Amino acid sequence: MIWNSSADFFAMGGYAFYVWGSFGCCVVLMLCEPWVVLRRRMAALRQVRSQHEAGRSQP
């Protein structure tokens, strides 16, 4: 595909909403994934720590 101007490039031959929307969703998901993984890791560590503490306090 040949674009004569930047406006033609950003219009993407009439598919701009689909193309740029897809890129936008991908960027949002790629930014959210490390945050979600970090939260799940912290929750798992808290759970293991509390189980360890509970096991320690029992005679």
PDB file of N, CA and C in Angstrom:
ATOM      1  N   MET A   1       0.847  -1.168   0.000  1.00  0.00           N
ATOM      2  CA  MET A   1       0.000   0.000   0.000  1.00  0.00           C
ATOM      3  C   MET A   1       0.897   1.238   0.000  1.00  0.00           C
ATOM      4  N   ILE A   2       0.556   2.213  -0.797  1.00  0.00           N
ATOM      5  CA  ILE A   2       1.335   3.442  -0.920  1.00  0.00           C
ATOM      6  C   ILE A   2       0.515   4.588  -0.338  1.00  0.00           C
ATOM      7  N   TRP A   3       1.159   5.339   0.559  1.00  0.00           N
ATOM      8  CA  TRP A   3       0.498   6.490   1.167  1.00  0.00           C
ATOM      9  C   TRP A   3       1.130   7.759   0.624  1.00  0.00           C
ATOM     10  N   ASN A   4       0.278   8.700   0.211  1.00  0.00           N
ATOM     11  CA  ASN A   4       0.757   9.962  -0.341  1.00  0.00           C
ATOM     12  C   ASN A   4       0.958  11.025   0.732  1.00  0.00           C
ATOM     13  N   SER A   5       0.392  10.822   1.887  1.00  0.00           N
ATOM     14  CA  SER A   5       0.529  11.792   2.970  1.00  0.00           C
ATOM     15  C   SER A   5       0.395  11.071   4.305  1.00  0.00           C
ATOM     16  N   SER A   6       0.698  11.789   5.356  1.00  0.00           N
ATOM     17  CA  SER A   6       0.542  11.185   6.686  1.00  0.00           C
ATOM     18  C   SER A   6      -0.927  10.949   7.007  1.00  0.00           C
ATOM     19  N   ALA A   7      -1.804  11.789   6.466  1.00  0.00           N
ATOM     20  CA  ALA A   7      -3.243  11.583   6.687  1.00  0.00           C
ATOM     21  C   ALA A   7      -3.689  10.260   6.058  1.00  0.00           C
ATOM     22  N   ASP A   8      -3.170   9.949   4.875  1.00  0.00           N
ATOM     23  CA  ASP A   8      -3.487   8.665   4.249  1.00  0.00           C
ATOM     24  C   ASP A   8      -2.961   7.502   5.084  1.00  0.00           C
ATOM     25  N   PHE A   9      -1.765   7.688   5.649  1.00  0.00           N
ATOM     26  CA  PHE A   9      -1.202   6.636   6.492  1.00  0.00           C
ATOM     27  C   PHE A   9      -2.082   6.394   7.709  1.00  0.00           C
ATOM     28  N   PHE A  10      -2.474   7.460   8.393  1.00  0.00           N
ATOM     29  CA  PHE A  10      -3.284   7.296   9.596  1.00  0.00           C
ATOM     30  C   PHE A  10      -4.705   6.836   9.296  1.00  0.00           C
ATOM     31  N   ALA A  11      -5.196   7.087   8.074  1.00  0.00           N
ATOM     32  CA  ALA A  11      -6.526   6.613   7.689  1.00  0.00           C
ATOM     33  C   ALA A  11      -6.506   5.120   7.387  1.00  0.00           C
ATOM     34  N   MET A  12      -5.338   4.583   7.042  1.00  0.00           N
ATOM     35  CA  MET A  12      -5.153   3.149   6.780  1.00  0.00           C
ATOM     36  C   MET A  12      -6.148   2.597   5.770  1.00  0.00           C
ATOM     37  N   GLY A  13      -6.397   3.326   4.727  1.00  0.00           N
ATOM     38  CA  GLY A  13      -7.270   2.838   3.669  1.00  0.00           C
ATOM     39  C   GLY A  13      -8.698   2.618   4.123  1.00  0.00           C
ATOM     40  N   GLY A  14      -9.137   3.374   5.102  1.00  0.00           N
ATOM     41  CA  GLY A  14     -10.510   3.238   5.601  1.00  0.00           C
ATOM     42  C   GLY A  14     -10.645   2.302   6.788  1.00  0.00           C
ATOM     43  N   TYR A  15      -9.570   1.655   7.161  1.00  0.00           N
ATOM     44  CA  TYR A  15      -9.606   0.717   8.283  1.00  0.00           C
ATOM     45  C   TYR A  15      -8.911   1.277   9.523  1.00  0.00           C
ATOM     46  N   ALA A  16      -8.829   2.570   9.622  1.00  0.00           N
ATOM     47  CA  ALA A  16      -8.080   3.205  10.707  1.00  0.00           C
ATOM     48  C   ALA A  16      -8.626   2.827  12.083  1.00  0.00           C
ATOM     49  N   PHE A  17      -9.937   2.825  12.240  1.00  0.00           N
ATOM     50  CA  PHE A  17     -10.519   2.515  13.546  1.00  0.00           C
ATOM     51  C   PHE A  17     -10.121   1.113  13.992  1.00  0.00           C
ATOM     52  N   TYR A  18     -10.212   0.151  13.090  1.00  0.00           N
ATOM     53  CA  TYR A  18      -9.839  -1.228  13.416  1.00  0.00           C
ATOM     54  C   TYR A  18      -8.346  -1.342  13.698  1.00  0.00           C
ATOM     55  N   VAL A  19      -7.504  -0.774  12.830  1.00  0.00           N
ATOM     56  CA  VAL A  19      -6.058  -0.896  12.970  1.00  0.00           C
ATOM     57  C   VAL A  19      -5.571  -0.215  14.229  1.00  0.00           C
ATOM     58  N   TRP A  20      -5.912   1.057  14.402  1.00  0.00           N
ATOM     59  CA  TRP A  20      -5.405   1.797  15.558  1.00  0.00           C
ATOM     60  C   TRP A  20      -6.073   1.341  16.852  1.00  0.00           C
ATOM     61  N   GLY A  21      -7.313   0.906  16.765  1.00  0.00           N
ATOM     62  CA  GLY A  21      -7.968   0.333  17.945  1.00  0.00           C
ATOM     63  C   GLY A  21      -7.280  -0.945  18.404  1.00  0.00           C
ATOM     64  N   SER A  22      -6.877  -1.768  17.441  1.00  0.00           N
ATOM     65  CA  SER A  22      -6.152  -3.004  17.764  1.00  0.00           C
ATOM     66  C   SER A  22      -4.804  -2.698  18.399  1.00  0.00           C
ATOM     67  N   PHE A  23      -4.085  -1.735  17.836  1.00  0.00           N
ATOM     68  CA  PHE A  23      -2.814  -1.341  18.433  1.00  0.00           C
ATOM     69  C   PHE A  23      -3.028  -0.789  19.840  1.00  0.00           C
ATOM     70  N   GLY A  24      -4.048   0.005  20.020  1.00  0.00           N
ATOM     71  CA  GLY A  24      -4.332   0.581  21.334  1.00  0.00           C
ATOM     72  C   GLY A  24      -4.648  -0.486  22.372  1.00  0.00           C
ATOM     73  N   CYS A  25      -5.481  -1.455  22.000  1.00  0.00           N
ATOM     74  CA  CYS A  25      -5.815  -2.544  22.921  1.00  0.00           C
ATOM     75  C   CYS A  25      -4.576  -3.351  23.278  1.00  0.00           C
ATOM     76  N   CYS A  26      -3.744  -3.595  22.304  1.00  0.00           N
ATOM     77  CA  CYS A  26      -2.511  -4.347  22.540  1.00  0.00           C
ATOM     78  C   CYS A  26      -1.601  -3.602  23.513  1.00  0.00           C
ATOM     79  N   VAL A  27      -1.446  -2.311  23.331  1.00  0.00           N
ATOM     80  CA  VAL A  27      -0.591  -1.521  24.223  1.00  0.00           C
ATOM     81  C   VAL A  27      -1.152  -1.515  25.640  1.00  0.00           C
ATOM     82  N   VAL A  28      -2.448  -1.337  25.768  1.00  0.00           N
ATOM     83  CA  VAL A  28      -3.071  -1.334  27.103  1.00  0.00           C
ATOM     84  C   VAL A  28      -2.860  -2.672  27.799  1.00  0.00           C
ATOM     85  N   LEU A  29      -3.072  -3.764  27.072  1.00  0.00           N
ATOM     86  CA  LEU A  29      -2.896  -5.082  27.673  1.00  0.00           C
ATOM     87  C   LEU A  29      -1.439  -5.358  28.030  1.00  0.00           C
ATOM     88  N   MET A  30      -0.518  -4.907  27.197  1.00  0.00           N
ATOM     89  CA  MET A  30       0.897  -5.115  27.493  1.00  0.00           C
ATOM     90  C   MET A  30       1.350  -4.295  28.703  1.00  0.00           C
ATOM     91  N   LEU A  31       0.720  -3.158  28.938  1.00  0.00           N
ATOM     92  CA  LEU A  31       1.047  -2.361  30.112  1.00  0.00           C
ATOM     93  C   LEU A  31       0.397  -2.910  31.375  1.00  0.00           C
ATOM     94  N   CYS A  32      -0.789  -3.491  31.243  1.00  0.00           N
ATOM     95  CA  CYS A  32      -1.508  -4.022  32.404  1.00  0.00           C
ATOM     96  C   CYS A  32      -0.957  -5.362  32.875  1.00  0.00           C
ATOM     97  N   GLU A  33      -0.425  -6.158  31.966  1.00  0.00           N
ATOM     98  CA  GLU A  33       0.024  -7.506  32.318  1.00  0.00           C
ATOM     99  C   GLU A  33       1.074  -7.530  33.427  1.00  0.00           C
ATOM    100  N   PRO A  34       2.141  -6.752  33.356  1.00  0.00           N
ATOM    101  CA  PRO A  34       3.119  -6.789  34.468  1.00  0.00           C
ATOM    102  C   PRO A  34       2.512  -6.349  35.793  1.00  0.00           C
ATOM    103  N   TRP A  35       1.604  -5.397  35.763  1.00  0.00           N
ATOM    104  CA  TRP A  35       0.951  -4.934  36.986  1.00  0.00           C
ATOM    105  C   TRP A  35       0.116  -6.059  37.599  1.00  0.00           C
ATOM    106  N   VAL A  36      -0.638  -6.773  36.777  1.00  0.00           N
ATOM    107  CA  VAL A  36      -1.468  -7.875  37.274  1.00  0.00           C
ATOM    108  C   VAL A  36      -0.590  -8.997  37.824  1.00  0.00           C
ATOM    109  N   VAL A  37       0.481  -9.319  37.120  1.00  0.00           N
ATOM    110  CA  VAL A  37       1.389 -10.371  37.581  1.00  0.00           C
ATOM    111  C   VAL A  37       2.010  -9.990  38.918  1.00  0.00           C
ATOM    112  N   LEU A  38       2.419  -8.746  39.065  1.00  0.00           N
ATOM    113  CA  LEU A  38       3.013  -8.285  40.323  1.00  0.00           C
ATOM    114  C   LEU A  38       2.015  -8.391  41.476  1.00  0.00           C
ATOM    115  N   ARG A  39       0.778  -7.991  41.228  1.00  0.00           N
ATOM    116  CA  ARG A  39      -0.242  -8.089  42.284  1.00  0.00           C
ATOM    117  C   ARG A  39      -0.493  -9.534  42.679  1.00  0.00           C
ATOM    118  N   ARG A  40      -0.576 -10.433  41.702  1.00  0.00           N
ATOM    119  CA  ARG A  40      -0.809 -11.850  42.006  1.00  0.00           C
ATOM    120  C   ARG A  40       0.378 -12.440  42.769  1.00  0.00           C
ATOM    121  N   ARG A  41       1.583 -12.040  42.406  1.00  0.00           N
ATOM    122  CA  ARG A  41       2.775 -12.524  43.099  1.00  0.00           C
ATOM    123  C   ARG A  41       2.773 -12.058  44.542  1.00  0.00           C
ATOM    124  N   MET A  42       2.456 -10.800  44.756  1.00  0.00           N
ATOM    125  CA  MET A  42       2.422 -10.271  46.121  1.00  0.00           C
ATOM    126  C   MET A  42       1.352 -10.975  46.947  1.00  0.00           C
ATOM    127  N   ALA A  43       0.195 -11.250  46.350  1.00  0.00           N
ATOM    128  CA  ALA A  43      -0.868 -11.953  47.062  1.00  0.00           C
ATOM    129  C   ALA A  43      -0.437 -13.377  47.414  1.00  0.00           C
ATOM    130  N   ALA A  44       0.239 -14.044  46.494  1.00  0.00           N
ATOM    131  CA  ALA A  44       0.707 -15.413  46.753  1.00  0.00           C
ATOM    132  C   ALA A  44       1.757 -15.410  47.861  1.00  0.00           C
ATOM    133  N   LEU A  45       2.659 -14.445  47.835  1.00  0.00           N
ATOM    134  CA  LEU A  45       3.671 -14.364  48.902  1.00  0.00           C
ATOM    135  C   LEU A  45       3.030 -14.086  50.254  1.00  0.00           C
ATOM    136  N   ARG A  46       2.026 -13.213  50.279  1.00  0.00           N
ATOM    137  CA  ARG A  46       1.317 -12.955  51.542  1.00  0.00           C
ATOM    138  C   ARG A  46       0.648 -14.221  52.056  1.00  0.00           C
ATOM    139  N   GLN A  47       0.043 -14.995  51.148  1.00  0.00           N
ATOM    140  CA  GLN A  47      -0.637 -16.213  51.552  1.00  0.00           C
ATOM    141  C   GLN A  47       0.361 -17.227  52.100  1.00  0.00           C
ATOM    142  N   VAL A  48       1.488 -17.391  51.430  1.00  0.00           N
ATOM    143  CA  VAL A  48       2.506 -18.331  51.904  1.00  0.00           C
ATOM    144  C   VAL A  48       3.052 -17.879  53.250  1.00  0.00           C
ATOM    145  N   ARG A  49       3.290 -16.579  53.400  1.00  0.00           N
ATOM    146  CA  ARG A  49       3.809 -16.052  54.654  1.00  0.00           C
ATOM    147  C   ARG A  49       2.820 -16.297  55.789  1.00  0.00           C
ATOM    148  N   SER A  50       1.530 -16.059  55.542  1.00  0.00           N
ATOM    149  CA  SER A  50       0.539 -16.261  56.603  1.00  0.00           C
ATOM    150  C   SER A  50       0.395 -17.740  56.954  1.00  0.00           C
ATOM    151  N   GLN A  51       0.499 -18.616  55.948  1.00  0.00           N
ATOM    152  CA  GLN A  51       0.442 -20.051  56.240  1.00  0.00           C
ATOM    153  C   GLN A  51       1.666 -20.485  57.032  1.00  0.00           C
ATOM    154  N   HIS A  52       2.794 -19.915  56.702  1.00  0.00           N
ATOM    155  CA  HIS A  52       4.028 -20.238  57.430  1.00  0.00           C
ATOM    156  C   HIS A  52       3.932 -19.773  58.885  1.00  0.00           C
ATOM    157  N   GLU A  53       3.421 -18.573  59.078  1.00  0.00           N
ATOM    158  CA  GLU A  53       3.249 -18.044  60.434  1.00  0.00           C
ATOM    159  C   GLU A  53       2.228 -18.866  61.205  1.00  0.00           C
ATOM    160  N   ALA A  54       1.167 -19.305  60.557  1.00  0.00           N
ATOM    161  CA  ALA A  54       0.150 -20.111  61.238  1.00  0.00           C
ATOM    162  C   ALA A  54       0.726 -21.462  61.634  1.00  0.00           C
ATOM    163  N   GLY A  55       1.550 -22.040  60.799  1.00  0.00           N
ATOM    164  CA  GLY A  55       2.166 -23.327  61.112  1.00  0.00           C
ATOM    165  C   GLY A  55       3.181 -23.208  62.234  1.00  0.00           C
ATOM    166  N   ARG A  56       3.832 -22.077  62.346  1.00  0.00           N
ATOM    167  CA  ARG A  56       4.823 -21.837  63.385  1.00  0.00           C
ATOM    168  C   ARG A  56       4.185 -21.698  64.769  1.00  0.00           C
ATOM    169  N   SER A  57       3.001 -21.088  64.817  1.00  0.00           N
ATOM    170  CA  SER A  57       2.378 -20.806  66.112  1.00  0.00           C
ATOM    171  C   SER A  57       1.723 -22.031  66.726  1.00  0.00           C
ATOM    172  N   GLN A  58       1.500 -23.077  65.956  1.00  0.00           N
ATOM    173  CA  GLN A  58       0.882 -24.274  66.506  1.00  0.00           C
ATOM    174  C   GLN A  58       1.946 -25.106  67.220  1.00  0.00           C
ATOM    175  N   PRO A  59       1.562 -25.679  68.372  1.00  0.00           N
ATOM    176  CA  PRO A  59       2.544 -26.506  69.138  1.00  0.00           C
ATOM    177  C   PRO A  59       2.845 -27.817  68.481  1.00  0.00           C
TER     178      PRO A  59
END
